[in-house]
Amino acid sequence: MRQKNLLLCLGGLSLFFFAASDNNPPREALQAIRAEDIRRHIDFLAADAMKGRNTPSPELDRAAEYIASEFNRCGLKPANNSFFADFQVGTVRLGNENSLAITIKGQALHYAIKKDFMPFEVTASKSVDAPLVFAGYGITAPEYGYDDYAGIEVKDKIVLVMRHEPGEKDAASPFDGAKDTEYSQVSWKAQNAIDHGAAGLLVITDPLHHRSLAPRGFPWPSLFEGIPDDALPLTLALTEKQKIPVVHVGETIIRDLVGSVDTLRTWQSQIDQAFKPKSVELAHARVQLKTTTETNLQSTRNVVGLIEGSDPKLKNEFVVIGAHYDHVGVLKQHQPGADSIYNGADDNASGTTAVLAIARAFGATAQRPKRSVLLMAFAGEEQGLLGSRAYVEQPLFPLHNTVAMLNLDMVGRNAADSVSVGGITRSPDLSKMNEEENREVGLKLDYSVESFHNRSDHYSFARKKIPFLFYYTGHHQDYHRLSDHADKINEGKIARIATLAFRVAWRAANAEQRLRYVEPK
């Protein structure tokens, strides 16, 4: 069976076996990465028939079956007796019981939903009664030398934070100038509050650069006419218990808590000018917050293939090579006959095909690396890194035995000879390997992708302190548009990037020492 799979995967390719050292990938493996195979995969995954591979959907399931069949054809083994790792996602509706009251100097002030506060899509179905702490922008960004939580204790308290980030419209801001980073996102602020032990989160619009301070939160169909009934957020079921209530509060609550909008504006200006947090406990206030949600659960799945390592001890350690295979589905409202399918050829059929090419390389040689390799296609990345988050929360193998993660996301466009690489500051050993292996591949390496640290599946592994690299070929005008079509993909470029990633994975899987993960300072 093994020999049959090998022959199928090679498709008639002539083999040139030679005695390779552990650090040098076998020549027959490198020769198995072919642009024509990548083109075949791209054309299938990004076809109109796949209807944009939304999570969850029958078309995404069909893509999963295709990827699993390719893994099997290339001689990969199923992990834990299956090529599929199922997990549950849920569409979230706002429940009927949502309330906010703040007790200030013994007086309870009650607020109205929509008018005074609005739950975000990341909110929990919980109630909390706790003291309040103001934590600036709610950001912990060690690479920028900034932490709103430094020196304050927020465990079991409700945190009040501003939207956006320091120096939002300042070209000289350490936060990537006037360009927003991921730290400005409410979902990130909510997770950071959870990581610091907070019980709830109140979000206010920062007044320096924004006139409207009205609470917007999420446009729940149950509260707003004209919003389609199925325009609902998606959540990862296994993280529901970790969530906290998260609401957007308006100008009335700002005045009640800090005295005036001008006071808040002064605080924000001081933070921005000094690039120094101004976090403080608001001892005069205690908050009673309740949000409720109803979740309709559905199953979806990651696809996982295993290359078992050759070393009796090190085979219990793993290098993960991954890409998300989902996209955003179809445009629901469109003119008859007009294009309505978000094909997602670059985002991220391109990365998925690179993983399939790497699977083919591993399957093309009888030689095995010392450590085991997991090749993974993640669902739900577009909905908030759901598939990779599901894996790191419920891994198939102990997560502390995962020594590296290589992520490929949007690797098929722009200049034919260049690739951006993220993770270099946090993963110096992997970065060095990548530079050394690239001498054989000859790509131009760019390192400007660090600001995308939180926006793809490597971030789920980085949160667990696992060394990673992120391969990406840059933004373009077709990003998340109907025009991201297969005919715009450079399959030869994907083949070169897949070759580089395979070489790095081979090195990492044979390294004598564990690779370092370094926290930015």
Protein backbone atom coordinates (compact mmCIF):
# COMPACT_ATOMS: atom_id res chain seq x y z
CA MET A 1 0.00 0.00 0.00
CA ARG A 2 2.83 2.35 0.87
CA GLN A 3 4.55 1.74 -2.49
CA LYS A 4 1.30 2.21 -4.39
CA ASN A 5 0.66 5.58 -2.72
CA LEU A 6 4.19 6.66 -3.51
CA LEU A 7 3.81 5.87 -7.19
CA LEU A 8 0.47 7.65 -7.40
CA CYS A 9 1.86 10.75 -5.71
CA LEU A 10 4.89 10.89 -7.99
CA GLY A 11 2.79 10.64 -11.14
CA GLY A 12 5.62 9.06 -13.15
CA LEU A 13 8.38 11.37 -11.93
CA SER A 14 11.86 9.85 -12.30
CA LEU A 15 13.65 9.52 -8.98
CA PHE A 16 17.24 10.41 -8.27
CA PHE A 17 18.06 8.86 -4.92
CA PHE A 18 21.19 9.91 -3.13
CA ALA A 19 22.56 9.73 0.36
CA ALA A 20 21.29 12.90 2.00
CA SER A 21 22.35 14.18 5.37
CA ASP A 22 19.65 14.88 7.95
CA ASN A 23 19.83 18.60 7.20
CA ASN A 24 19.68 18.25 3.43
CA PRO A 25 16.24 17.38 2.08
CA PRO A 26 16.27 14.50 -0.43
CA ARG A 27 16.48 15.57 -4.03
CA GLU A 28 13.51 13.41 -5.05
CA ALA A 29 11.38 15.27 -2.49
CA LEU A 30 12.34 18.68 -3.85
CA GLN A 31 11.70 17.55 -7.42
CA ALA A 32 8.20 16.42 -6.44
CA ILE A 33 7.06 20.03 -5.87
CA ARG A 34 5.65 20.92 -9.28
CA ALA A 35 3.85 24.01 -10.53
CA GLU A 36 1.47 21.95 -12.68
CA ASP A 37 0.14 20.13 -9.60
CA ILE A 38 -0.33 23.43 -7.82
CA ARG A 39 -2.30 24.76 -10.80
CA ARG A 40 -4.57 21.72 -10.68
CA HIS A 41 -5.27 22.24 -6.97
CA ILE A 42 -5.87 25.99 -7.38
CA ASP A 43 -8.32 25.44 -10.21
CA PHE A 44 -10.31 22.98 -8.09
CA LEU A 45 -10.36 24.86 -4.78
CA ALA A 46 -11.07 28.29 -6.30
CA ALA A 47 -13.67 27.12 -8.81
CA ASP A 48 -17.15 28.67 -8.83
CA ALA A 49 -18.53 25.27 -7.83
CA MET A 50 -16.86 25.67 -4.42
CA LYS A 51 -18.99 28.79 -3.74
CA GLY A 52 -16.28 30.54 -1.76
CA ARG A 53 -15.67 27.73 0.79
CA ASN A 54 -17.49 29.43 3.65
CA THR A 55 -17.32 28.01 7.19
CA PRO A 56 -19.41 25.93 7.60
CA SER A 57 -20.78 24.85 4.23
CA PRO A 58 -21.14 21.75 2.04
CA GLU A 59 -18.55 23.25 -0.31
CA LEU A 60 -16.02 23.58 2.51
CA ASP A 61 -16.67 19.92 3.34
CA ARG A 62 -16.06 19.06 -0.29
CA ALA A 63 -12.75 20.93 -0.18
CA ALA A 64 -11.84 19.02 2.97
CA GLU A 65 -12.52 15.71 1.25
CA TYR A 66 -10.31 16.76 -1.67
CA ILE A 67 -7.43 17.74 0.63
CA ALA A 68 -7.75 14.51 2.61
CA SER A 69 -7.70 12.43 -0.59
CA GLU A 70 -4.52 14.21 -1.70
CA PHE A 71 -2.90 13.60 1.69
CA ASN A 72 -3.77 9.92 1.38
CA ARG A 73 -2.55 9.76 -2.22
CA CYS A 74 0.81 11.13 -1.14
CA GLY A 75 1.25 8.48 1.53
CA LEU A 76 0.50 10.61 4.59
CA LYS A 77 -1.08 8.78 7.50
CA PRO A 78 -4.29 9.81 9.20
CA ALA A 79 -3.71 11.30 12.66
CA ASN A 80 -5.62 9.39 15.33
CA ASN A 81 -7.21 7.16 12.67
CA SER A 82 -8.71 10.01 10.65
CA PHE A 83 -7.65 12.75 8.27
CA PHE A 84 -10.32 14.94 9.87
CA ALA A 85 -10.31 16.76 13.22
CA ASP A 86 -13.88 17.87 13.83
CA PHE A 87 -14.83 20.86 15.93
CA GLN A 88 -17.99 22.82 16.53
CA VAL A 89 -18.78 26.37 15.55
CA GLY A 90 -21.95 28.25 16.29
CA THR A 91 -23.94 31.11 14.86
CA VAL A 92 -24.69 33.56 17.65
CA ARG A 93 -27.95 35.38 18.25
CA LEU A 94 -28.40 38.03 20.89
CA GLY A 95 -30.59 36.86 23.76
CA ASN A 96 -33.40 38.80 25.37
CA GLU A 97 -31.78 39.64 28.71
CA ASN A 98 -29.13 42.33 28.35
CA SER A 99 -28.62 44.97 31.02
CA LEU A 100 -26.09 47.46 32.32
CA ALA A 101 -26.15 49.35 35.60
CA ILE A 102 -23.39 51.29 37.35
CA THR A 103 -23.44 52.13 41.02
CA ILE A 104 -21.66 55.42 41.68
CA LYS A 105 -21.33 56.61 45.27
CA GLY A 106 -24.26 54.44 46.32
CA GLN A 107 -26.58 55.48 43.49
CA ALA A 108 -27.53 52.87 40.88
CA LEU A 109 -27.74 54.22 37.32
CA HIS A 110 -29.51 52.04 34.76
CA TYR A 111 -28.85 52.19 31.03
CA ALA A 112 -30.77 51.19 27.91
CA ILE A 113 -29.57 48.84 25.19
CA LYS A 114 -29.03 50.53 21.79
CA LYS A 115 -29.24 54.00 23.33
CA ASP A 116 -26.50 53.65 25.95
CA PHE A 117 -24.76 50.32 25.32
CA MET A 118 -24.54 47.62 22.68
CA PRO A 119 -23.06 44.09 22.99
CA PHE A 120 -20.24 43.15 20.63
CA GLU A 121 -20.24 39.89 18.68
CA VAL A 122 -17.54 38.48 21.00
CA THR A 123 -19.66 38.89 24.12
CA ALA A 124 -20.48 36.04 26.50
CA SER A 125 -23.75 34.77 27.85
CA LYS A 126 -22.94 35.78 31.42
CA SER A 127 -23.63 38.32 34.14
CA VAL A 128 -21.03 40.01 36.32
CA ASP A 129 -21.00 42.43 39.25
CA ALA A 130 -17.54 43.87 39.80
CA PRO A 131 -15.42 46.99 40.41
CA LEU A 132 -14.09 48.99 37.45
CA VAL A 133 -10.59 49.71 36.14
CA PHE A 134 -9.68 52.13 33.33
CA ALA A 135 -6.98 50.50 31.18
CA GLY A 136 -6.32 53.04 28.43
CA TYR A 137 -6.51 51.33 25.04
CA GLY A 138 -6.54 47.85 26.56
CA ILE A 139 -3.36 46.92 24.68
CA THR A 140 -0.39 44.74 25.59
CA ALA A 141 2.19 45.08 22.79
CA PRO A 142 5.69 44.14 23.95
CA GLU A 143 7.18 44.68 20.50
CA TYR A 144 6.15 48.33 20.73
CA GLY A 145 7.18 48.66 24.38
CA TYR A 146 3.60 49.41 25.43
CA ASP A 147 1.30 47.75 28.00
CA ASP A 148 -1.87 49.29 29.40
CA TYR A 149 -2.07 46.49 31.97
CA ALA A 150 1.37 47.09 33.46
CA GLY A 151 1.14 47.91 37.16
CA ILE A 152 -2.60 47.35 37.56
CA GLU A 153 -4.60 44.36 38.77
CA VAL A 154 -7.74 43.56 36.79
CA LYS A 155 -8.46 39.98 37.87
CA ASP A 156 -12.21 39.55 38.47
CA LYS A 157 -12.80 43.22 37.62
CA ILE A 158 -14.49 44.95 34.71
CA VAL A 159 -12.14 46.88 32.45
CA LEU A 160 -12.96 50.13 30.67
CA VAL A 161 -10.90 50.65 27.50
CA MET A 162 -10.85 52.96 24.48
CA ARG A 163 -11.13 51.83 20.88
CA HIS A 164 -8.21 52.07 18.42
CA GLU A 165 -4.59 52.60 19.57
CA PRO A 166 -2.07 55.27 20.62
CA GLY A 167 -1.28 57.74 17.85
CA GLU A 168 -4.08 56.45 15.64
CA LYS A 169 -3.67 59.13 12.97
CA ASP A 170 -0.04 59.96 13.67
CA ALA A 171 2.40 58.93 10.94
CA ALA A 172 5.15 58.86 13.58
CA SER A 173 3.28 56.52 15.94
CA PRO A 174 5.25 53.44 17.02
CA PHE A 175 2.08 51.48 16.21
CA ASP A 176 2.92 51.30 12.50
CA GLY A 177 2.35 55.00 11.96
CA ALA A 178 -1.13 56.04 10.89
CA LYS A 179 -1.95 52.49 9.80
CA ASP A 180 -4.06 50.50 12.27
CA THR A 181 -2.49 47.38 13.71
CA GLU A 182 -4.33 44.32 14.98
CA TYR A 183 -4.12 45.74 18.50
CA SER A 184 -6.84 48.23 17.56
CA GLN A 185 -9.41 45.47 17.06
CA VAL A 186 -12.06 44.93 19.73
CA SER A 187 -11.69 41.15 19.45
CA TRP A 188 -8.02 41.49 20.36
CA LYS A 189 -8.76 43.83 23.27
CA ALA A 190 -11.36 41.35 24.55
CA GLN A 191 -8.91 38.44 24.40
CA ASN A 192 -6.26 40.53 26.12
CA ALA A 193 -8.69 41.35 28.91
CA ILE A 194 -9.49 37.64 29.27
CA ASP A 195 -5.78 36.80 29.34
CA HIS A 196 -5.37 39.26 32.23
CA GLY A 197 -8.23 37.73 34.20
CA ALA A 198 -10.85 40.44 33.67
CA ALA A 199 -14.51 39.60 34.29
CA GLY A 200 -15.98 41.99 31.72
CA LEU A 201 -15.11 44.71 29.23
CA LEU A 202 -16.65 48.12 28.55
CA VAL A 203 -15.42 49.72 25.32
CA ILE A 204 -15.68 53.46 24.63
CA THR A 205 -14.91 55.32 21.42
CA ASP A 206 -11.78 57.41 21.87
CA PRO A 207 -12.75 61.08 21.42
CA LEU A 208 -9.58 62.67 20.01
CA HIS A 209 -10.20 61.55 16.44
CA HIS A 210 -13.86 60.50 16.46
CA ARG A 211 -16.89 62.73 16.77
CA SER A 212 -19.54 60.09 17.17
CA LEU A 213 -19.40 58.43 20.56
CA ALA A 214 -22.64 56.49 20.08
CA PRO A 215 -22.53 52.82 21.05
CA ARG A 216 -22.48 50.61 17.97
CA GLY A 217 -21.22 47.20 19.02
CA PHE A 218 -22.53 44.55 16.63
CA PRO A 219 -25.58 45.18 14.39
CA TRP A 220 -27.75 42.39 15.79
CA PRO A 221 -30.69 41.53 13.49
CA SER A 222 -33.00 41.35 16.49
CA LEU A 223 -32.33 45.01 17.27
CA PHE A 224 -32.01 46.63 13.85
CA GLU A 225 -34.53 46.65 11.03
CA GLY A 226 -33.08 45.92 7.63
CA ILE A 227 -30.30 43.66 8.91
CA PRO A 228 -30.74 40.16 7.37
CA ASP A 229 -31.82 37.60 9.93
CA ASP A 230 -28.87 35.37 9.09
CA ALA A 231 -26.24 38.14 9.34
CA LEU A 232 -24.83 36.60 12.50
CA PRO A 233 -21.32 36.15 13.92
CA LEU A 234 -19.68 32.76 14.22
CA THR A 235 -18.05 31.50 17.39
CA LEU A 236 -15.83 28.59 18.38
CA ALA A 237 -17.90 26.43 20.71
CA LEU A 238 -15.07 25.22 22.92
CA THR A 239 -14.08 28.79 23.86
CA GLU A 240 -17.58 29.94 24.84
CA LYS A 241 -16.93 29.37 28.54
CA GLN A 242 -13.79 31.53 28.38
CA LYS A 243 -15.66 34.57 27.08
CA ILE A 244 -16.62 37.61 29.12
CA PRO A 245 -19.39 40.19 28.58
CA VAL A 246 -18.13 42.81 26.11
CA VAL A 247 -20.21 45.91 25.31
CA HIS A 248 -19.75 49.25 23.58
CA VAL A 249 -20.90 52.14 25.79
CA GLY A 250 -21.79 55.68 24.76
CA GLU A 251 -21.39 59.29 25.80
CA THR A 252 -23.80 59.21 28.74
CA ILE A 253 -21.79 56.49 30.43
CA ILE A 254 -18.51 58.29 29.65
CA ARG A 255 -19.79 61.38 31.48
CA ASP A 256 -21.10 59.35 34.41
CA LEU A 257 -17.80 57.51 34.83
CA VAL A 258 -15.12 60.16 34.23
CA GLY A 259 -17.03 63.45 34.51
CA SER A 260 -16.94 64.62 30.90
CA VAL A 261 -15.82 63.75 27.41
CA ASP A 262 -13.14 66.45 27.76
CA THR A 263 -11.65 64.55 30.69
CA LEU A 264 -11.41 61.41 28.60
CA ARG A 265 -9.97 63.40 25.71
CA THR A 266 -7.29 64.79 28.05
CA TRP A 267 -6.40 61.32 29.29
CA GLN A 268 -6.12 60.07 25.72
CA SER A 269 -3.94 63.00 24.69
CA GLN A 270 -1.60 62.37 27.62
CA ILE A 271 -1.28 58.70 26.68
CA ASP A 272 -0.60 59.49 23.03
CA GLN A 273 1.91 62.26 23.65
CA ALA A 274 3.95 60.40 26.27
CA PHE A 275 3.36 56.97 24.71
CA LYS A 276 2.80 55.85 28.27
CA PRO A 277 -0.27 54.17 29.78
CA LYS A 278 -2.52 56.05 32.20
CA SER A 279 -4.40 53.16 33.76
CA VAL A 280 -6.20 53.62 37.05
CA GLU A 281 -8.83 51.95 39.23
CA LEU A 282 -12.14 53.83 39.16
CA ALA A 283 -12.89 53.14 42.80
CA HIS A 284 -16.06 55.23 42.83
CA ALA A 285 -17.88 52.91 40.42
CA ARG A 286 -19.17 49.34 40.50
CA VAL A 287 -20.68 47.74 37.39
CA GLN A 288 -23.49 45.23 37.00
CA LEU A 289 -23.36 43.86 33.44
CA LYS A 290 -25.34 41.07 31.79
CA THR A 291 -25.36 39.91 28.17
CA THR A 292 -27.06 36.80 26.84
CA THR A 293 -26.60 34.92 23.60
CA GLU A 294 -28.07 31.86 21.92
CA THR A 295 -25.74 29.66 19.90
CA ASN A 296 -26.74 27.26 17.13
CA LEU A 297 -23.93 24.71 16.91
CA GLN A 298 -22.70 23.09 13.69
CA SER A 299 -19.73 20.84 12.95
CA THR A 300 -16.83 21.62 10.66
CA ARG A 301 -13.33 20.22 10.46
CA ASN A 302 -9.64 20.69 10.03
CA VAL A 303 -7.78 18.28 7.74
CA VAL A 304 -4.65 16.66 9.18
CA GLY A 305 -2.05 14.36 7.63
CA LEU A 306 0.90 12.78 9.45
CA ILE A 307 4.46 12.01 8.41
CA GLU A 308 5.80 9.87 11.22
CA GLY A 309 9.34 10.65 12.33
CA SER A 310 12.18 8.14 12.16
CA ASP A 311 13.84 8.76 15.52
CA PRO A 312 12.41 6.55 18.29
CA LYS A 313 12.35 9.48 20.73
CA LEU A 314 12.05 12.58 18.56
CA LYS A 315 9.13 11.16 16.55
CA ASN A 316 6.96 12.20 19.49
CA GLU A 317 7.75 15.84 18.68
CA PHE A 318 6.06 17.64 15.79
CA VAL A 319 6.57 20.29 13.15
CA VAL A 320 3.25 21.71 11.93
CA ILE A 321 2.84 23.04 8.39
CA GLY A 322 -0.53 24.70 7.89
CA ALA A 323 -2.79 26.92 5.82
CA HIS A 324 -6.46 27.80 6.04
CA TYR A 325 -8.61 26.39 3.26
CA ASP A 326 -11.78 28.38 3.92
CA HIS A 327 -12.85 31.72 2.46
CA VAL A 328 -15.90 33.98 2.85
CA GLY A 329 -18.58 32.39 0.67
CA VAL A 330 -20.87 34.29 -1.68
CA LEU A 331 -22.32 37.77 -2.05
CA LYS A 332 -25.94 37.33 -1.04
CA GLN A 333 -27.37 40.43 -2.69
CA HIS A 334 -26.36 40.88 -6.34
CA GLN A 335 -27.77 41.52 -9.78
CA PRO A 336 -28.95 38.45 -11.73
CA GLY A 337 -26.10 37.02 -13.75
CA ALA A 338 -23.44 39.08 -11.97
CA ASP A 339 -20.43 37.49 -10.30
CA SER A 340 -21.32 36.70 -6.69
CA ILE A 341 -18.67 34.16 -5.62
CA TYR A 342 -15.68 35.05 -3.50
CA ASN A 343 -13.40 32.42 -5.03
CA GLY A 344 -10.52 33.09 -2.66
CA ALA A 345 -7.82 31.90 -5.03
CA ASP A 346 -5.02 33.74 -3.25
CA ASP A 347 -6.85 33.81 0.08
CA ASN A 348 -6.21 31.03 0.70
CA ALA A 349 -6.37 28.37 -1.97
CA SER A 350 -2.77 29.43 -2.66
CA GLY A 351 -1.51 28.52 0.81
CA THR A 352 -3.53 25.30 0.80
CA THR A 353 -1.97 24.22 -2.49
CA ALA A 354 1.47 24.97 -1.06
CA VAL A 355 0.71 22.59 1.82
CA LEU A 356 -0.42 19.96 -0.70
CA ALA A 357 2.82 20.45 -2.64
CA ILE A 358 4.80 19.97 0.57
CA ALA A 359 2.78 16.83 1.33
CA ARG A 360 3.76 15.54 -2.08
CA ALA A 361 7.41 16.23 -1.32
CA PHE A 362 7.29 14.27 1.94
CA GLY A 363 5.48 11.45 0.18
CA ALA A 364 8.04 11.28 -2.63
CA THR A 365 10.88 9.92 -0.51
CA ALA A 366 11.38 6.88 1.67
CA GLN A 367 13.62 8.95 3.91
CA ARG A 368 11.93 10.34 6.99
CA PRO A 369 12.90 13.27 9.21
CA LYS A 370 13.67 12.55 12.85
CA ARG A 371 10.62 14.38 14.16
CA SER A 372 7.09 13.86 12.95
CA VAL A 373 5.38 16.38 10.69
CA LEU A 374 1.71 17.38 10.76
CA LEU A 375 0.32 18.94 7.60
CA MET A 376 -2.88 20.81 8.37
CA ALA A 377 -5.63 22.65 6.50
CA PHE A 378 -7.61 24.85 8.89
CA ALA A 379 -11.27 25.80 8.62
CA GLY A 380 -12.74 29.02 9.98
CA GLU A 381 -9.71 31.30 9.70
CA GLU A 382 -11.82 34.00 8.08
CA GLN A 383 -14.21 33.91 11.03
CA GLY A 384 -11.51 34.50 13.63
CA LEU A 385 -8.79 31.81 13.37
CA LEU A 386 -11.34 29.25 14.56
CA GLY A 387 -9.72 26.12 13.15
CA SER A 388 -6.22 26.78 14.42
CA ARG A 389 -7.61 27.94 17.76
CA ALA A 390 -9.60 24.70 17.99
CA TYR A 391 -6.44 22.69 17.35
CA VAL A 392 -4.27 24.39 19.97
CA GLU A 393 -7.07 24.16 22.54
CA GLN A 394 -7.69 20.46 21.78
CA PRO A 395 -4.54 19.18 20.03
CA LEU A 396 -4.25 15.69 18.61
CA PHE A 397 -0.86 15.38 20.29
CA PRO A 398 0.46 17.15 23.42
CA LEU A 399 1.03 20.75 22.41
CA HIS A 400 4.28 21.05 24.36
CA ASN A 401 5.70 18.56 21.84
CA THR A 402 5.04 20.91 18.92
CA VAL A 403 8.43 22.46 18.17
CA ALA A 404 7.58 24.72 15.21
CA MET A 405 4.72 25.93 13.03
CA LEU A 406 4.98 27.16 9.43
CA ASN A 407 1.93 29.03 8.12
CA LEU A 408 1.24 29.84 4.47
CA ASP A 409 -1.48 32.42 3.79
CA MET A 410 -1.84 34.30 0.48
CA VAL A 411 1.34 33.19 -1.31
CA GLY A 412 0.36 33.39 -4.97
CA ARG A 413 0.44 37.01 -6.09
CA ASN A 414 2.63 40.10 -6.62
CA ALA A 415 6.33 40.02 -7.60
CA ALA A 416 7.36 36.59 -8.89
CA ASP A 417 10.56 36.36 -6.85
CA SER A 418 9.67 37.72 -3.40
CA VAL A 419 7.95 36.59 -0.21
CA SER A 420 7.30 38.28 3.13
CA VAL A 421 8.24 36.32 6.21
CA GLY A 422 6.78 36.96 9.66
CA GLY A 423 7.90 35.66 13.02
CA ILE A 424 11.56 36.62 12.76
CA THR A 425 11.72 38.45 16.10
CA ARG A 426 9.89 35.75 18.02
CA SER A 427 11.48 32.78 16.27
CA PRO A 428 15.14 33.61 15.60
CA ASP A 429 16.26 30.00 15.10
CA LEU A 430 13.59 29.34 12.48
CA SER A 431 14.35 32.67 10.84
CA LYS A 432 18.03 31.76 10.54
CA MET A 433 17.11 28.40 9.02
CA ASN A 434 14.84 30.17 6.55
CA GLU A 435 17.61 32.55 5.44
CA GLU A 436 20.09 29.70 5.06
CA GLU A 437 17.69 27.49 3.09
CA ASN A 438 16.68 30.40 0.89
CA ARG A 439 20.22 30.51 -0.48
CA GLU A 440 19.19 27.42 -2.43
CA VAL A 441 15.82 28.87 -3.48
CA GLY A 442 16.79 32.47 -4.25
CA LEU A 443 13.67 34.36 -3.21
CA LYS A 444 13.84 37.98 -2.09
CA LEU A 445 12.90 37.93 1.59
CA ASP A 446 10.90 40.83 2.98
CA TYR A 447 10.19 41.30 6.69
CA SER A 448 7.47 43.95 6.63
CA VAL A 449 4.69 41.53 7.57
CA GLU A 450 5.20 41.68 11.34
CA SER A 451 2.19 44.00 11.69
CA PHE A 452 0.03 41.08 10.50
CA HIS A 453 1.11 39.01 13.50
CA ASN A 454 -2.42 38.49 14.82
CA ARG A 455 -4.21 38.00 11.51
CA SER A 456 -3.55 34.43 10.47
CA ASP A 457 -3.35 30.95 11.92
CA HIS A 458 0.23 31.12 13.14
CA TYR A 459 -1.05 33.47 15.86
CA SER A 460 -2.92 30.63 17.58
CA PHE A 461 0.39 28.80 17.93
CA ALA A 462 2.32 31.93 18.88
CA ARG A 463 -0.09 32.49 21.79
CA LYS A 464 1.11 29.10 23.06
CA LYS A 465 4.78 30.16 22.69
CA ILE A 466 5.48 27.88 19.74
CA PRO A 467 8.13 29.11 17.26
CA PHE A 468 6.61 29.97 13.90
CA LEU A 469 7.16 31.49 10.48
CA PHE A 470 4.46 33.14 8.39
CA TYR A 471 4.82 33.16 4.59
CA TYR A 472 2.84 35.86 2.76
CA THR A 473 3.21 37.62 -0.58
CA GLY A 474 1.41 40.84 0.16
CA HIS A 475 -1.84 42.71 -0.14
CA HIS A 476 -3.49 43.39 -3.51
CA GLN A 477 -6.66 44.97 -4.86
CA ASP A 478 -8.46 41.62 -5.10
CA TYR A 479 -8.18 40.88 -1.37
CA HIS A 480 -11.62 39.76 -0.11
CA ARG A 481 -13.18 40.76 -3.40
CA LEU A 482 -15.09 38.84 -6.03
CA SER A 483 -12.11 39.26 -8.36
CA ASP A 484 -9.72 36.96 -6.43
CA HIS A 485 -9.73 34.44 -9.27
CA ALA A 486 -7.55 31.44 -10.04
CA ASP A 487 -6.23 32.84 -13.32
CA LYS A 488 -4.38 35.56 -11.41
CA ILE A 489 -2.32 33.08 -9.40
CA ASN A 490 1.37 32.47 -10.13
CA GLU A 491 1.71 28.74 -9.51
CA GLY A 492 5.44 28.85 -10.18
CA LYS A 493 5.88 31.31 -7.35
CA ILE A 494 3.87 29.08 -5.01
CA ALA A 495 6.13 26.18 -5.96
CA ARG A 496 9.23 28.17 -4.97
CA ILE A 497 7.69 29.22 -1.64
CA ALA A 498 6.56 25.65 -0.97
CA THR A 499 10.11 24.50 -1.71
CA LEU A 500 11.50 26.98 0.81
CA ALA A 501 8.95 26.01 3.46
CA PHE A 502 9.65 22.31 2.89
CA ARG A 503 13.40 22.86 3.28
CA VAL A 504 12.86 24.77 6.53
CA ALA A 505 10.45 22.13 7.84
CA TRP A 506 12.99 19.41 7.04
CA ARG A 507 15.66 21.31 8.93
CA ALA A 508 13.41 21.94 11.92
CA ALA A 509 12.33 18.30 12.03
CA ASN A 510 15.97 17.18 12.15
CA ALA A 511 17.39 19.88 14.44
CA GLU A 512 19.43 18.60 17.36
CA GLN A 513 18.02 21.19 19.77
CA ARG A 514 14.55 22.55 20.37
CA LEU A 515 13.96 25.89 18.65
CA ARG A 516 13.50 29.07 20.67
CA TYR A 517 10.43 31.24 21.03
CA VAL A 518 11.42 34.72 22.22
CA GLU A 519 8.95 37.23 23.62
CA PRO A 520 9.45 40.72 22.17
CA LYS A 521 10.79 43.26 24.64
